[in-house]
Structure formats: structure tokens, C-alpha cells
C-alpha atoms as a PDB file:
ATOM      1  CA  UNK A   1     -17.224  -4.726 -53.767  1.00  0.00           C
ATOM      2  CA  UNK A   2     -15.348  -3.695 -51.508  1.00  0.00           C
ATOM      3  CA  UNK A   3     -11.558  -3.027 -52.716  1.00  0.00           C
ATOM      4  CA  UNK A   4      -7.978  -1.602 -51.441  1.00  0.00           C
ATOM      5  CA  UNK A   5      -5.196  -0.936 -52.871  1.00  0.00           C
ATOM      6  CA  UNK A   6      -1.531  -1.204 -50.997  1.00  0.00           C
ATOM      7  CA  UNK A   7       1.105   0.457 -52.946  1.00  0.00           C
ATOM      8  CA  UNK A   8       4.774   1.682 -51.960  1.00  0.00           C
ATOM      9  CA  UNK A   9       5.377   4.386 -53.905  1.00  0.00           C
ATOM     10  CA  UNK A  10       9.365   5.963 -53.544  1.00  0.00           C
ATOM     11  CA  UNK A  11      10.752   7.330 -56.285  1.00  0.00           C
ATOM     12  CA  UNK A  12       8.789   9.155 -58.584  1.00  0.00           C
ATOM     13  CA  UNK A  13       5.595   8.910 -58.015  1.00  0.00           C
ATOM     14  CA  UNK A  14       5.031   6.700 -60.959  1.00  0.00           C
ATOM     15  CA  UNK A  15       3.327   3.631 -59.326  1.00  0.00           C
ATOM     16  CA  UNK A  16       1.148   6.226 -56.847  1.00  0.00           C
ATOM     17  CA  UNK A  17      -0.521   7.454 -59.883  1.00  0.00           C
ATOM     18  CA  UNK A  18      -1.427   4.055 -61.708  1.00  0.00           C
ATOM     19  CA  UNK A  19      -2.619   3.512 -58.249  1.00  0.00           C
ATOM     20  CA  UNK A  20      -4.904   5.681 -58.046  1.00  0.00           C
ATOM     21  CA  UNK A  21      -5.808   5.138 -61.772  1.00  0.00           C
ATOM     22  CA  UNK A  22      -6.925   2.058 -60.559  1.00  0.00           C
ATOM     23  CA  UNK A  23      -8.245   3.241 -57.407  1.00  0.00           C
ATOM     24  CA  UNK A  24     -10.755   5.621 -59.206  1.00  0.00           C
ATOM     25  CA  UNK A  25     -11.855   2.679 -61.376  1.00  0.00           C
ATOM     26  CA  UNK A  26     -12.273   0.165 -58.252  1.00  0.00           C
ATOM     27  CA  UNK A  27     -13.713   3.029 -56.000  1.00  0.00           C
ATOM     28  CA  UNK A  28     -10.670   1.633 -53.980  1.00  0.00           C
ATOM     29  CA  UNK A  29      -8.831   3.250 -50.812  1.00  0.00           C
ATOM     30  CA  UNK A  30      -4.940   3.591 -51.930  1.00  0.00           C
ATOM     31  CA  UNK A  31      -3.515   3.023 -48.923  1.00  0.00           C
ATOM     32  CA  UNK A  32       0.497   2.727 -48.223  1.00  0.00           C
ATOM     33  CA  UNK A  33       1.676  -0.522 -46.437  1.00  0.00           C
ATOM     34  CA  UNK A  34       1.932   1.415 -42.833  1.00  0.00           C
ATOM     35  CA  UNK A  35      -1.291   3.138 -42.525  1.00  0.00           C
ATOM     36  CA  UNK A  36      -3.021  -0.448 -43.431  1.00  0.00           C
ATOM     37  CA  UNK A  37      -4.316  -2.743 -40.308  1.00  0.00           C
ATOM     38  CA  UNK A  38      -3.909  -6.135 -42.282  1.00  0.00           C
ATOM     39  CA  UNK A  39      -6.909  -6.982 -40.639  1.00  0.00           C
ATOM     40  CA  UNK A  40      -8.974  -4.817 -43.202  1.00  0.00           C
ATOM     41  CA  UNK A  41      -8.009  -6.751 -45.593  1.00  0.00           C
ATOM     42  CA  UNK A  42      -9.737  -9.887 -44.296  1.00  0.00           C
ATOM     43  CA  UNK A  43     -12.996  -7.343 -45.409  1.00  0.00           C
ATOM     44  CA  UNK A  44     -12.120  -7.055 -48.356  1.00  0.00           C
ATOM     45  CA  UNK A  45     -13.635  -8.544 -51.742  1.00  0.00           C
ATOM     46  CA  UNK A  46     -10.183  -7.480 -53.961  1.00  0.00           C
ATOM     47  CA  UNK A  47      -7.227  -6.274 -52.758  1.00  0.00           C
ATOM     48  CA  UNK A  48      -4.310  -4.876 -55.270  1.00  0.00           C
ATOM     49  CA  UNK A  49      -0.470  -4.812 -54.204  1.00  0.00           C
ATOM     50  CA  UNK A  50       1.848  -2.799 -56.274  1.00  0.00           C
ATOM     51  CA  UNK A  51       5.470  -1.294 -55.706  1.00  0.00           C
ATOM     52  CA  UNK A  52       8.006   0.372 -58.361  1.00  0.00           C
ATOM     53  CA  UNK A  53      10.567  -2.256 -59.696  1.00  0.00           C
ATOM     54  CA  UNK A  54      13.411  -2.642 -57.756  1.00  0.00           C
ATOM     55  CA  UNK A  55      16.383  -5.004 -59.116  1.00  0.00           C
ATOM     56  CA  UNK A  56      13.629  -7.553 -59.914  1.00  0.00           C
ATOM     57  CA  UNK A  57      11.665  -7.417 -57.484  1.00  0.00           C
ATOM     58  CA  UNK A  58       8.588  -5.186 -55.693  1.00  0.00           C
ATOM     59  CA  UNK A  59       9.574  -2.773 -52.637  1.00  0.00           C
ATOM     60  CA  UNK A  60      10.587  -4.573 -49.801  1.00  0.00           C
ATOM     61  CA  UNK A  61       8.303  -2.911 -47.785  1.00  0.00           C
ATOM     62  CA  UNK A  62       5.427  -3.583 -49.654  1.00  0.00           C
ATOM     63  CA  UNK A  63       7.096  -7.598 -49.478  1.00  0.00           C
ATOM     64  CA  UNK A  64       6.949  -7.847 -45.500  1.00  0.00           C
ATOM     65  CA  UNK A  65       3.772  -6.309 -45.196  1.00  0.00           C
ATOM     66  CA  UNK A  66       2.772  -9.478 -47.593  1.00  0.00           C
ATOM     67  CA  UNK A  67       4.448 -11.786 -45.610  1.00  0.00           C
ATOM     68  CA  UNK A  68       3.770 -10.703 -43.037  1.00  0.00           C
ATOM     69  CA  UNK A  69      -0.147 -11.385 -43.204  1.00  0.00           C
ATOM     70  CA  UNK A  70      -1.358 -14.418 -41.257  1.00  0.00           C
ATOM     71  CA  UNK A  71      -3.043 -17.300 -43.702  1.00  0.00           C
ATOM     72  CA  UNK A  72      -6.828 -17.641 -43.840  1.00  0.00           C
ATOM     73  CA  UNK A  73      -8.847 -17.503 -46.564  1.00  0.00           C
ATOM     74  CA  UNK A  74      -8.909 -14.381 -48.658  1.00  0.00           C
ATOM     75  CA  UNK A  75     -10.789 -13.277 -51.707  1.00  0.00           C
ATOM     76  CA  UNK A  76      -9.359 -11.954 -54.903  1.00  0.00           C
ATOM     77  CA  UNK A  77      -5.940 -10.105 -55.576  1.00  0.00           C
ATOM     78  CA  UNK A  78      -4.035  -8.531 -58.199  1.00  0.00           C
ATOM     79  CA  UNK A  79      -0.959  -7.349 -58.127  1.00  0.00           C
ATOM     80  CA  UNK A  80       0.692  -4.196 -60.223  1.00  0.00           C
ATOM     81  CA  UNK A  81       4.202  -2.797 -60.979  1.00  0.00           C
ATOM     82  CA  UNK A  82       6.041   0.247 -62.547  1.00  0.00           C
ATOM     83  CA  UNK A  83       9.396  -0.426 -64.048  1.00  0.00           C
ATOM     84  CA  UNK A  84      12.705   0.678 -66.399  1.00  0.00           C
ATOM     85  CA  UNK A  85      12.010  -3.241 -67.739  1.00  0.00           C
ATOM     86  CA  UNK A  86       9.317  -5.022 -68.606  1.00  0.00           C
ATOM     87  CA  UNK A  87       7.293  -8.209 -67.005  1.00  0.00           C
ATOM     88  CA  UNK A  88       9.294 -10.683 -69.754  1.00  0.00           C
ATOM     89  CA  UNK A  89      10.682 -13.917 -69.536  1.00  0.00           C
ATOM     90  CA  UNK A  90      10.974 -16.877 -67.492  1.00  0.00           C
ATOM     91  CA  UNK A  91      11.984 -14.895 -64.706  1.00  0.00           C
ATOM     92  CA  UNK A  92       8.532 -12.937 -64.450  1.00  0.00           C
ATOM     93  CA  UNK A  93       9.223  -9.849 -61.667  1.00  0.00           C
ATOM     94  CA  UNK A  94       5.087 -10.369 -60.848  1.00  0.00           C
ATOM     95  CA  UNK A  95       5.566 -13.901 -59.949  1.00  0.00           C
ATOM     96  CA  UNK A  96       7.626 -14.153 -56.602  1.00  0.00           C
ATOM     97  CA  UNK A  97       4.518 -11.750 -54.624  1.00  0.00           C
ATOM     98  CA  UNK A  98       1.538 -13.787 -56.760  1.00  0.00           C
ATOM     99  CA  UNK A  99       2.940 -17.283 -55.169  1.00  0.00           C
ATOM    100  CA  UNK A 100       3.240 -15.329 -51.785  1.00  0.00           C
ATOM    101  CA  UNK A 101      -0.643 -13.756 -52.229  1.00  0.00           C
ATOM    102  CA  UNK A 102      -1.534 -17.467 -52.833  1.00  0.00           C
ATOM    103  CA  UNK A 103       0.359 -18.973 -50.077  1.00  0.00           C
ATOM    104  CA  UNK A 104      -1.539 -16.349 -47.710  1.00  0.00           C
ATOM    105  CA  UNK A 105      -4.871 -17.465 -49.354  1.00  0.00           C
ATOM    106  CA  UNK A 106      -5.412 -14.801 -51.986  1.00  0.00           C
ATOM    107  CA  UNK A 107      -6.866 -15.914 -55.515  1.00  0.00           C
ATOM    108  CA  UNK A 108      -4.440 -13.755 -57.469  1.00  0.00           C
ATOM    109  CA  UNK A 109      -7.004 -12.510 -60.847  1.00  0.00           C
ATOM    110  CA  UNK A 110      -4.133 -10.532 -62.476  1.00  0.00           C
ATOM    111  CA  UNK A 111      -1.145  -8.881 -62.799  1.00  0.00           C
ATOM    112  CA  UNK A 112       0.074  -5.170 -64.649  1.00  0.00           C
ATOM    113  CA  UNK A 113       2.913  -3.614 -65.542  1.00  0.00           C
ATOM    114  CA  UNK A 114       3.838  -0.743 -67.322  1.00  0.00           C
ATOM    115  CA  UNK A 115       7.561   1.249 -68.326  1.00  0.00           C
ATOM    116  CA  UNK A 116       8.263   4.280 -65.564  1.00  0.00           C
ATOM    117  CA  UNK A 117      10.804   6.885 -64.976  1.00  0.00           C
ATOM    118  CA  UNK A 118      13.885   5.038 -63.416  1.00  0.00           C
ATOM    119  CA  UNK A 119      16.881   6.531 -61.940  1.00  0.00           C
ATOM    120  CA  UNK A 120      17.994   3.754 -60.025  1.00  0.00           C
ATOM    121  CA  UNK A 121      21.705   3.446 -60.933  1.00  0.00           C
ATOM    122  CA  UNK A 122      23.536   3.286 -63.185  1.00  0.00           C
ATOM    123  CA  UNK A 123      20.216   4.530 -64.493  1.00  0.00           C
ATOM    124  CA  UNK A 124      20.872   7.773 -62.891  1.00  0.00           C
ATOM    125  CA  UNK A 125      24.255   8.794 -63.848  1.00  0.00           C
ATOM    126  CA  UNK A 126      22.524   8.865 -67.329  1.00  0.00           C
ATOM    127  CA  UNK A 127      19.755  11.725 -66.127  1.00  0.00           C
ATOM    128  CA  UNK A 128      17.624   7.925 -65.875  1.00  0.00           C
ATOM    129  CA  UNK A 129      15.287   5.713 -68.351  1.00  0.00           C
ATOM    130  CA  UNK A 130      11.832   6.110 -69.740  1.00  0.00           C
ATOM    131  CA  UNK A 131      11.395   9.757 -69.125  1.00  0.00           C
ATOM    132  CA  UNK A 132       7.435  10.941 -69.801  1.00  0.00           C
ATOM    133  CA  UNK A 133       6.582   7.515 -68.462  1.00  0.00           C
ATOM    134  CA  UNK A 134       3.953   6.178 -66.814  1.00  0.00           C
ATOM    135  CA  UNK A 135       2.469   8.569 -70.393  1.00  0.00           C
ATOM    136  CA  UNK A 136      -1.288   8.805 -70.779  1.00  0.00           C
ATOM    137  CA  UNK A 137      -0.957   5.828 -72.900  1.00  0.00           C
ATOM    138  CA  UNK A 138       0.158   3.733 -69.480  1.00  0.00           C
ATOM    139  CA  UNK A 139      -2.588   5.289 -67.202  1.00  0.00           C
ATOM    140  CA  UNK A 140      -4.632   4.381 -69.816  1.00  0.00           C
ATOM    141  CA  UNK A 141      -3.761   0.946 -70.213  1.00  0.00           C
ATOM    142  CA  UNK A 142      -4.339   1.342 -65.790  1.00  0.00           C
ATOM    143  CA  UNK A 143      -7.636   2.131 -66.233  1.00  0.00           C
ATOM    144  CA  UNK A 144      -8.838  -0.403 -68.940  1.00  0.00           C
ATOM    145  CA  UNK A 145      -6.782  -3.208 -66.970  1.00  0.00           C
ATOM    146  CA  UNK A 146      -8.752  -1.995 -63.896  1.00  0.00           C
ATOM    147  CA  UNK A 147     -12.546  -2.011 -65.603  1.00  0.00           C
ATOM    148  CA  UNK A 148     -12.041  -5.506 -66.366  1.00  0.00           C
ATOM    149  CA  UNK A 149     -10.695  -6.116 -62.927  1.00  0.00           C
ATOM    150  CA  UNK A 150     -14.022  -4.717 -61.114  1.00  0.00           C
ATOM    151  CA  UNK A 151     -16.188  -6.514 -64.380  1.00  0.00           C
ATOM    152  CA  UNK A 152     -14.733 -10.140 -63.582  1.00  0.00           C
ATOM    153  CA  UNK A 153     -13.899  -9.919 -60.067  1.00  0.00           C
ATOM    154  CA  UNK A 154     -17.259  -8.036 -59.212  1.00  0.00           C
ATOM    155  CA  UNK A 155     -19.392 -10.679 -60.551  1.00  0.00           C
ATOM    156  CA  UNK A 156     -17.292 -13.424 -58.811  1.00  0.00           C
ATOM    157  CA  UNK A 157     -18.098 -11.490 -55.092  1.00  0.00           C
END
């Protein structure tokens, strides 16, 4: 199963750490959007898209990368995020990116999020929130999530 993870991690390396754990399980190359020729995604059985969450949204560079992809038949994708707050309630921050990926031809298999150290204003004024996150437990949850993806999506390929 050919897998790639497209990751934008800008503040504290939180999302990159999660992506690397998932990448080891999935034997995936982890790249920033600007390091990737979008045509390479057509060859993948599974593609992960992740970033930190900024004001309730995935990072603009990741959203712009996905918006620029051509619409074509594709295989599976997943989304993942790190955030100071949970992906909960009726306004889940994963929904807009999931919908955009589906418009581009991906079948979105699942989504993952975990808490992460957050120093976005106004939290910077108090030294940030969620210090020490993602924790070892969060990274273990990311590993288990990736193993589940590999088991489900790997059998569909």
C-alpha cells in the first residue's frame, strides 16, 4: 500500500510529531505541501492531510494545497489535527477539510485529532495551554489510529 502524509506544522512541531508516528506505522513519506508534486498523490492508496488548528480551521497552506488539486478519481484519505481544543460539537473543524477532499475525489476513511501545546493569542499571554501535549498517550493514540487505518484501507487496495 503506497501512502503519503501531507503535513503543515508551524508553531511547535506538534503536528509533525503526530505525522511521524503515523508515517512509521503506515510506511509513509511525510511532506509539507510545498515539497510535493500533487501528481504524486494519484499513485497513492492512502493520503493523510494534517495541520494544527488556527481559529477553528486547518492551516491555510494545507487548505490552499487541497483546493488546488484537480478533481479526479482517487483512493482513500484521512485527516488529522493538533489543537488546544477538541474537535467536538456540531462545528467539527475536520468537516470542511473532509468535504473538500471528497469533492476532489478522495474517499475519506477517518479523522484523528489530539490536544497540543497552544500559544495562539490570547493563550500566549499566559504562557500557552496544553503544555506537554501531545503527550506519550496522544502519540500512542495516533499510532493505534494509523494501525487501524492500515488494517482497514490496506485490505481495500
